[in-house]
C-alpha atoms as a PDB file:
ATOM      1  CA  UNK A   1      -0.136  -0.096   0.303  1.00  0.00           C
ATOM      2  CA  UNK A   2       1.083   3.114  -1.127  1.00  0.00           C
ATOM      3  CA  UNK A   3       1.193   6.182   1.480  1.00  0.00           C
ATOM      4  CA  UNK A   4       0.832  10.110   0.633  1.00  0.00           C
ATOM      5  CA  UNK A   5       2.775  12.052   2.523  1.00  0.00           C
ATOM      6  CA  UNK A   6       1.547  16.042   2.790  1.00  0.00           C
ATOM      7  CA  UNK A   7       4.813  17.984   2.507  1.00  0.00           C
ATOM      8  CA  UNK A   8       3.735  21.590   1.265  1.00  0.00           C
ATOM      9  CA  UNK A   9       2.951  23.386   4.015  1.00  0.00           C
ATOM     10  CA  UNK A  10       4.464  26.739   4.964  1.00  0.00           C
ATOM     11  CA  UNK A  11       4.586  26.600   8.120  1.00  0.00           C
ATOM     12  CA  UNK A  12       4.024  29.932   9.512  1.00  0.00           C
ATOM     13  CA  UNK A  13       2.970  29.388  13.651  1.00  0.00           C
ATOM     14  CA  UNK A  14       6.387  28.464  13.690  1.00  0.00           C
ATOM     15  CA  UNK A  15       8.333  31.016  12.426  1.00  0.00           C
ATOM     16  CA  UNK A  16      11.373  32.175  12.948  1.00  0.00           C
ATOM     17  CA  UNK A  17      12.263  28.395  12.286  1.00  0.00           C
ATOM     18  CA  UNK A  18      10.765  27.736   9.622  1.00  0.00           C
ATOM     19  CA  UNK A  19      11.760  30.709   7.337  1.00  0.00           C
ATOM     20  CA  UNK A  20      15.020  28.803   6.814  1.00  0.00           C
ATOM     21  CA  UNK A  21      13.707  25.045   7.198  1.00  0.00           C
ATOM     22  CA  UNK A  22      10.223  23.485   5.833  1.00  0.00           C
ATOM     23  CA  UNK A  23       8.500  22.362   8.740  1.00  0.00           C
ATOM     24  CA  UNK A  24       8.429  19.006   7.753  1.00  0.00           C
ATOM     25  CA  UNK A  25      12.306  18.849   8.257  1.00  0.00           C
ATOM     26  CA  UNK A  26      12.135  20.448  11.862  1.00  0.00           C
ATOM     27  CA  UNK A  27      14.550  18.407  14.150  1.00  0.00           C
ATOM     28  CA  UNK A  28      12.859  16.548  17.036  1.00  0.00           C
ATOM     29  CA  UNK A  29      15.534  14.676  18.918  1.00  0.00           C
ATOM     30  CA  UNK A  30      17.439  14.314  16.490  1.00  0.00           C
ATOM     31  CA  UNK A  31      15.846  13.609  13.154  1.00  0.00           C
ATOM     32  CA  UNK A  32      13.515  15.567  11.247  1.00  0.00           C
ATOM     33  CA  UNK A  33       9.816  15.115  11.279  1.00  0.00           C
ATOM     34  CA  UNK A  34       9.279  13.726   7.898  1.00  0.00           C
ATOM     35  CA  UNK A  35      11.849  11.492   8.697  1.00  0.00           C
ATOM     36  CA  UNK A  36      10.672   9.881  11.399  1.00  0.00           C
ATOM     37  CA  UNK A  37       7.313   9.515   9.526  1.00  0.00           C
ATOM     38  CA  UNK A  38       8.519   7.586   6.925  1.00  0.00           C
ATOM     39  CA  UNK A  39      10.835   5.191   9.486  1.00  0.00           C
ATOM     40  CA  UNK A  40       7.654   4.586  11.455  1.00  0.00           C
ATOM     41  CA  UNK A  41       5.515   3.931   7.956  1.00  0.00           C
ATOM     42  CA  UNK A  42       8.420   1.179   6.918  1.00  0.00           C
ATOM     43  CA  UNK A  43       7.973  -0.876  10.157  1.00  0.00           C
ATOM     44  CA  UNK A  44       4.788  -1.761   8.757  1.00  0.00           C
ATOM     45  CA  UNK A  45       6.342  -2.573   5.623  1.00  0.00           C
ATOM     46  CA  UNK A  46       4.741   0.871   3.918  1.00  0.00           C
ATOM     47  CA  UNK A  47       7.865   1.716   2.029  1.00  0.00           C
ATOM     48  CA  UNK A  48       5.991   3.053  -1.590  1.00  0.00           C
ATOM     49  CA  UNK A  49       5.504   7.009  -0.777  1.00  0.00           C
ATOM     50  CA  UNK A  50       4.279   9.969  -2.733  1.00  0.00           C
ATOM     51  CA  UNK A  51       5.462  13.164  -0.762  1.00  0.00           C
ATOM     52  CA  UNK A  52       3.562  16.149  -2.215  1.00  0.00           C
ATOM     53  CA  UNK A  53       5.626  18.927  -1.660  1.00  0.00           C
ATOM     54  CA  UNK A  54       6.229  23.105  -2.016  1.00  0.00           C
ATOM     55  CA  UNK A  55       7.243  25.803   0.169  1.00  0.00           C
ATOM     56  CA  UNK A  56      11.459  24.809   0.219  1.00  0.00           C
ATOM     57  CA  UNK A  57      10.746  21.578  -1.600  1.00  0.00           C
ATOM     58  CA  UNK A  58      14.691  21.414  -2.323  1.00  0.00           C
ATOM     59  CA  UNK A  59      15.675  20.533   1.264  1.00  0.00           C
ATOM     60  CA  UNK A  60      12.954  17.992   1.311  1.00  0.00           C
ATOM     61  CA  UNK A  61      13.898  16.705  -1.934  1.00  0.00           C
ATOM     62  CA  UNK A  62      18.009  16.760  -1.498  1.00  0.00           C
ATOM     63  CA  UNK A  63      18.074  15.089   1.881  1.00  0.00           C
ATOM     64  CA  UNK A  64      15.718  12.489   1.016  1.00  0.00           C
ATOM     65  CA  UNK A  65      16.532  11.785  -2.563  1.00  0.00           C
ATOM     66  CA  UNK A  66      14.652   8.903  -3.912  1.00  0.00           C
ATOM     67  CA  UNK A  67      14.300   7.174  -0.544  1.00  0.00           C
ATOM     68  CA  UNK A  68      16.593   4.356  -1.351  1.00  0.00           C
ATOM     69  CA  UNK A  69      19.118   5.585   1.373  1.00  0.00           C
ATOM     70  CA  UNK A  70      16.180   4.839   3.944  1.00  0.00           C
ATOM     71  CA  UNK A  71      15.083   1.953   2.550  1.00  0.00           C
ATOM     72  CA  UNK A  72      12.069   3.007   0.725  1.00  0.00           C
ATOM     73  CA  UNK A  73      10.786   4.740  -2.904  1.00  0.00           C
ATOM     74  CA  UNK A  74       9.716   8.016  -2.863  1.00  0.00           C
ATOM     75  CA  UNK A  75       8.116  10.136  -5.904  1.00  0.00           C
ATOM     76  CA  UNK A  76       7.382  13.803  -4.937  1.00  0.00           C
ATOM     77  CA  UNK A  77       4.569  15.933  -6.800  1.00  0.00           C
ATOM     78  CA  UNK A  78       4.725  19.660  -6.398  1.00  0.00           C
ATOM     79  CA  UNK A  79       0.960  21.104  -4.945  1.00  0.00           C
ATOM     80  CA  UNK A  80       0.574  24.379  -6.617  1.00  0.00           C
ATOM     81  CA  UNK A  81      -0.667  26.538  -4.330  1.00  0.00           C
ATOM     82  CA  UNK A  82       0.254  25.217  -0.283  1.00  0.00           C
ATOM     83  CA  UNK A  83      -2.412  27.051   1.343  1.00  0.00           C
ATOM     84  CA  UNK A  84      -5.152  25.839  -0.812  1.00  0.00           C
ATOM     85  CA  UNK A  85      -6.225  22.673   1.784  1.00  0.00           C
ATOM     86  CA  UNK A  86      -5.648  19.288   2.472  1.00  0.00           C
ATOM     87  CA  UNK A  87      -7.784  17.901  -0.073  1.00  0.00           C
ATOM     88  CA  UNK A  88      -6.331  20.039  -3.177  1.00  0.00           C
ATOM     89  CA  UNK A  89      -3.173  17.976  -1.630  1.00  0.00           C
ATOM     90  CA  UNK A  90      -3.912  15.098  -1.563  1.00  0.00           C
ATOM     91  CA  UNK A  91      -5.752  15.093  -5.191  1.00  0.00           C
ATOM     92  CA  UNK A  92      -2.408  16.625  -6.222  1.00  0.00           C
ATOM     93  CA  UNK A  93      -1.323  12.517  -5.762  1.00  0.00           C
ATOM     94  CA  UNK A  94      -4.235  11.139  -7.725  1.00  0.00           C
ATOM     95  CA  UNK A  95      -2.133  10.323 -10.946  1.00  0.00           C
ATOM     96  CA  UNK A  96       0.647   8.574  -8.637  1.00  0.00           C
ATOM     97  CA  UNK A  97      -2.078   6.046  -7.041  1.00  0.00           C
ATOM     98  CA  UNK A  98      -2.928   3.249  -9.029  1.00  0.00           C
ATOM     99  CA  UNK A  99      -4.081   0.561  -6.150  1.00  0.00           C
ATOM    100  CA  UNK A 100      -7.807   0.493  -4.498  1.00  0.00           C
ATOM    101  CA  UNK A 101      -6.482   1.619  -0.974  1.00  0.00           C
ATOM    102  CA  UNK A 102      -4.037   4.026  -0.042  1.00  0.00           C
ATOM    103  CA  UNK A 103      -2.577   5.967   3.390  1.00  0.00           C
ATOM    104  CA  UNK A 104      -3.120   9.246   3.519  1.00  0.00           C
ATOM    105  CA  UNK A 105      -0.820  11.159   6.095  1.00  0.00           C
ATOM    106  CA  UNK A 106       0.565  14.361   7.487  1.00  0.00           C
ATOM    107  CA  UNK A 107       4.641  15.026   7.192  1.00  0.00           C
ATOM    108  CA  UNK A 108       4.066  17.421   9.948  1.00  0.00           C
ATOM    109  CA  UNK A 109       2.343  15.945  12.606  1.00  0.00           C
ATOM    110  CA  UNK A 110       3.416  12.720  14.737  1.00  0.00           C
ATOM    111  CA  UNK A 111       1.214  10.143  15.393  1.00  0.00           C
ATOM    112  CA  UNK A 112       1.331   6.825  17.312  1.00  0.00           C
ATOM    113  CA  UNK A 113       2.795   4.332  14.613  1.00  0.00           C
ATOM    114  CA  UNK A 114       1.311   1.253  16.479  1.00  0.00           C
ATOM    115  CA  UNK A 115      -2.182   2.069  14.682  1.00  0.00           C
ATOM    116  CA  UNK A 116      -0.841   1.293  11.472  1.00  0.00           C
ATOM    117  CA  UNK A 117      -1.192  -2.627  12.553  1.00  0.00           C
ATOM    118  CA  UNK A 118      -4.832  -1.713  13.410  1.00  0.00           C
ATOM    119  CA  UNK A 119      -5.234   0.221  10.024  1.00  0.00           C
ATOM    120  CA  UNK A 120      -3.998  -2.367   7.812  1.00  0.00           C
ATOM    121  CA  UNK A 121      -5.463  -5.000   9.284  1.00  0.00           C
ATOM    122  CA  UNK A 122      -8.809  -3.826   8.901  1.00  0.00           C
ATOM    123  CA  UNK A 123     -10.344  -4.831   5.590  1.00  0.00           C
ATOM    124  CA  UNK A 124     -13.784  -5.069   5.932  1.00  0.00           C
ATOM    125  CA  UNK A 125     -14.378  -1.431   5.700  1.00  0.00           C
ATOM    126  CA  UNK A 126     -13.942   0.971   3.081  1.00  0.00           C
ATOM    127  CA  UNK A 127     -11.975   3.906   4.683  1.00  0.00           C
ATOM    128  CA  UNK A 128     -10.187   3.788   8.393  1.00  0.00           C
ATOM    129  CA  UNK A 129      -9.498   7.396  10.442  1.00  0.00           C
ATOM    130  CA  UNK A 130      -7.174   7.706  13.144  1.00  0.00           C
ATOM    131  CA  UNK A 131      -8.539   9.652  16.205  1.00  0.00           C
ATOM    132  CA  UNK A 132      -7.733  10.943  19.784  1.00  0.00           C
ATOM    133  CA  UNK A 133      -9.651  11.883  22.699  1.00  0.00           C
ATOM    134  CA  UNK A 134      -9.059  15.563  23.760  1.00  0.00           C
ATOM    135  CA  UNK A 135     -10.314  17.367  26.538  1.00  0.00           C
ATOM    136  CA  UNK A 136     -10.977  20.634  23.908  1.00  0.00           C
ATOM    137  CA  UNK A 137     -13.045  18.773  21.015  1.00  0.00           C
ATOM    138  CA  UNK A 138     -14.492  22.569  19.894  1.00  0.00           C
ATOM    139  CA  UNK A 139     -10.668  23.147  18.458  1.00  0.00           C
ATOM    140  CA  UNK A 140     -10.816  20.170  15.905  1.00  0.00           C
ATOM    141  CA  UNK A 141     -12.277  18.086  13.760  1.00  0.00           C
ATOM    142  CA  UNK A 142     -14.805  16.051  15.703  1.00  0.00           C
ATOM    143  CA  UNK A 143     -15.853  12.753  14.573  1.00  0.00           C
ATOM    144  CA  UNK A 144     -19.431  12.023  15.530  1.00  0.00           C
ATOM    145  CA  UNK A 145     -19.481   7.899  15.801  1.00  0.00           C
ATOM    146  CA  UNK A 146     -22.040   4.844  15.972  1.00  0.00           C
ATOM    147  CA  UNK A 147     -20.235   1.971  17.700  1.00  0.00           C
ATOM    148  CA  UNK A 148     -16.522   2.170  15.535  1.00  0.00           C
ATOM    149  CA  UNK A 149     -18.174   3.836  12.422  1.00  0.00           C
ATOM    150  CA  UNK A 150     -18.108   7.302  11.583  1.00  0.00           C
ATOM    151  CA  UNK A 151     -21.185   9.194  10.643  1.00  0.00           C
ATOM    152  CA  UNK A 152     -19.605  12.310   9.946  1.00  0.00           C
ATOM    153  CA  UNK A 153     -16.743  14.506  10.440  1.00  0.00           C
ATOM    154  CA  UNK A 154     -17.597  18.172  12.085  1.00  0.00           C
ATOM    155  CA  UNK A 155     -15.428  20.863  12.127  1.00  0.00           C
ATOM    156  CA  UNK A 156     -14.992  22.885  15.066  1.00  0.00           C
ATOM    157  CA  UNK A 157     -18.289  22.775  16.585  1.00  0.00           C
ATOM    158  CA  UNK A 158     -18.917  24.667  20.113  1.00  0.00           C
ATOM    159  CA  UNK A 159     -21.095  22.060  21.488  1.00  0.00           C
ATOM    160  CA  UNK A 160     -19.008  18.683  20.193  1.00  0.00           C
ATOM    161  CA  UNK A 161     -21.007  15.341  19.642  1.00  0.00           C
ATOM    162  CA  UNK A 162     -17.813  13.819  20.965  1.00  0.00           C
ATOM    163  CA  UNK A 163     -14.038  13.903  22.126  1.00  0.00           C
ATOM    164  CA  UNK A 164     -12.805  12.008  19.339  1.00  0.00           C
ATOM    165  CA  UNK A 165     -11.016  14.118  17.166  1.00  0.00           C
ATOM    166  CA  UNK A 166      -9.617  13.548  13.874  1.00  0.00           C
ATOM    167  CA  UNK A 167      -5.468  13.231  13.754  1.00  0.00           C
ATOM    168  CA  UNK A 168      -5.269  13.184   9.628  1.00  0.00           C
ATOM    169  CA  UNK A 169      -3.823   9.596   9.330  1.00  0.00           C
ATOM    170  CA  UNK A 170      -6.562   7.683   6.868  1.00  0.00           C
ATOM    171  CA  UNK A 171      -6.470   4.879   5.062  1.00  0.00           C
ATOM    172  CA  UNK A 172      -8.343   6.003   1.826  1.00  0.00           C
ATOM    173  CA  UNK A 173     -10.272   4.390  -0.866  1.00  0.00           C
ATOM    174  CA  UNK A 174      -9.410   5.320  -4.416  1.00  0.00           C
ATOM    175  CA  UNK A 175     -12.582   7.187  -4.831  1.00  0.00           C
ATOM    176  CA  UNK A 176     -11.687   9.877  -2.370  1.00  0.00           C
ATOM    177  CA  UNK A 177     -10.215  11.498  -5.368  1.00  0.00           C
ATOM    178  CA  UNK A 178     -13.778  11.868  -7.074  1.00  0.00           C
ATOM    179  CA  UNK A 179     -15.525  12.893  -3.913  1.00  0.00           C
ATOM    180  CA  UNK A 180     -12.250  15.575  -4.051  1.00  0.00           C
ATOM    181  CA  UNK A 181     -13.312  16.815  -7.434  1.00  0.00           C
ATOM    182  CA  UNK A 182     -17.258  16.879  -6.835  1.00  0.00           C
ATOM    183  CA  UNK A 183     -16.929  19.339  -3.482  1.00  0.00           C
ATOM    184  CA  UNK A 184     -16.981  22.970  -3.021  1.00  0.00           C
ATOM    185  CA  UNK A 185     -14.742  25.066  -1.496  1.00  0.00           C
ATOM    186  CA  UNK A 186     -15.086  25.608   2.270  1.00  0.00           C
ATOM    187  CA  UNK A 187     -15.729  29.149   3.726  1.00  0.00           C
ATOM    188  CA  UNK A 188     -12.232  29.612   3.948  1.00  0.00           C
ATOM    189  CA  UNK A 189     -12.019  28.782   0.438  1.00  0.00           C
ATOM    190  CA  UNK A 190     -10.102  25.601   0.828  1.00  0.00           C
ATOM    191  CA  UNK A 191     -10.540  22.409  -0.552  1.00  0.00           C
ATOM    192  CA  UNK A 192     -10.903  19.877   2.477  1.00  0.00           C
ATOM    193  CA  UNK A 193     -10.087  16.362   2.585  1.00  0.00           C
ATOM    194  CA  UNK A 194     -12.533  15.956   5.586  1.00  0.00           C
ATOM    195  CA  UNK A 195     -15.679  17.329   3.292  1.00  0.00           C
ATOM    196  CA  UNK A 196     -15.014  14.350   0.714  1.00  0.00           C
ATOM    197  CA  UNK A 197     -14.539  11.884   3.770  1.00  0.00           C
ATOM    198  CA  UNK A 198     -18.447  13.215   4.714  1.00  0.00           C
ATOM    199  CA  UNK A 199     -19.255  13.034   0.882  1.00  0.00           C
ATOM    200  CA  UNK A 200     -18.507   9.305   0.714  1.00  0.00           C
ATOM    201  CA  UNK A 201     -20.174   8.541   3.643  1.00  0.00           C
ATOM    202  CA  UNK A 202     -23.139  10.095   2.442  1.00  0.00           C
ATOM    203  CA  UNK A 203     -22.900   7.757  -0.643  1.00  0.00           C
ATOM    204  CA  UNK A 204     -22.894   4.667   1.576  1.00  0.00           C
ATOM    205  CA  UNK A 205     -18.937   4.379   2.185  1.00  0.00           C
ATOM    206  CA  UNK A 206     -18.222   2.546   5.815  1.00  0.00           C
ATOM    207  CA  UNK A 207     -15.100   4.738   7.651  1.00  0.00           C
ATOM    208  CA  UNK A 208     -14.030   3.586  10.759  1.00  0.00           C
ATOM    209  CA  UNK A 209     -11.709   4.847  13.242  1.00  0.00           C
ATOM    210  CA  UNK A 210      -8.923   3.460  15.368  1.00  0.00           C
ATOM    211  CA  UNK A 211      -7.211   5.236  18.089  1.00  0.00           C
ATOM    212  CA  UNK A 212      -3.622   6.720  18.648  1.00  0.00           C
ATOM    213  CA  UNK A 213      -1.641   6.405  22.241  1.00  0.00           C
ATOM    214  CA  UNK A 214      -0.290  10.234  21.581  1.00  0.00           C
ATOM    215  CA  UNK A 215      -0.185  13.235  18.789  1.00  0.00           C
ATOM    216  CA  UNK A 216       1.757  15.931  18.391  1.00  0.00           C
ATOM    217  CA  UNK A 217       0.939  18.711  16.002  1.00  0.00           C
ATOM    218  CA  UNK A 218       3.918  20.397  16.215  1.00  0.00           C
ATOM    219  CA  UNK A 219       2.388  24.255  14.977  1.00  0.00           C
ATOM    220  CA  UNK A 220       4.109  26.207  18.074  1.00  0.00           C
ATOM    221  CA  UNK A 221       7.353  26.183  19.306  1.00  0.00           C
ATOM    222  CA  UNK A 222       5.595  24.860  23.060  1.00  0.00           C
ATOM    223  CA  UNK A 223       4.048  21.876  21.140  1.00  0.00           C
ATOM    224  CA  UNK A 224       7.747  21.238  19.471  1.00  0.00           C
ATOM    225  CA  UNK A 225       9.253  21.059  22.446  1.00  0.00           C
ATOM    226  CA  UNK A 226       7.063  19.139  24.158  1.00  0.00           C
ATOM    227  CA  UNK A 227       7.387  16.903  20.816  1.00  0.00           C
ATOM    228  CA  UNK A 228      11.390  16.734  21.566  1.00  0.00           C
ATOM    229  CA  UNK A 229      11.129  15.968  24.892  1.00  0.00           C
ATOM    230  CA  UNK A 230       8.955  13.105  24.446  1.00  0.00           C
ATOM    231  CA  UNK A 231      10.872  11.603  21.803  1.00  0.00           C
ATOM    232  CA  UNK A 232      14.520  11.623  23.566  1.00  0.00           C
ATOM    233  CA  UNK A 233      12.699   9.660  25.869  1.00  0.00           C
ATOM    234  CA  UNK A 234      11.878   6.936  23.167  1.00  0.00           C
END
């Protein structure tokens, strides 16, 4: 199964660090964020990657090359507008995916890699969404669920329907691309992958969730320091 890894963002909230280094290349306890993700995927025999790049793409491409020195195969595709949304980023990789399913993952966040085992073994569903339980779900995309089935992803609602939030590690059916081409832009003018997931759910696709033990979004200097301390102990 291939993985599409999003690594095109500007990382504005981590400035000044990201003025000279793309966010996926920020060091976390001796390794760039993106390297940690690639090595985690490799542990579960996921070695074919399509990395979506834009901002300072040369620094990412020079470091990883074709992936051989990391024991993986890497192709790159450039997202023309890095602020066009996660849906646009995934859609950029459409021509690189020929299989029925693929993994979708952000390249600037760190999750518990052991969920990959559950994701890969869950062959009786159309898609899988990784989630974590938080105390402030109103800040995130919240999963409305029925048992293990995801009924809808609800974005940043004040009265959240659950404390399960989406942390952007997915198993997608290839039909996600068709859904992305049919949805409208969100109110903030972006193509949201969560809107495409909701469309597939409305069309009868069965999405379930798995839970991660930890999650670092590394979106601020404070969260970066927390991630560094966590991985320094591992």
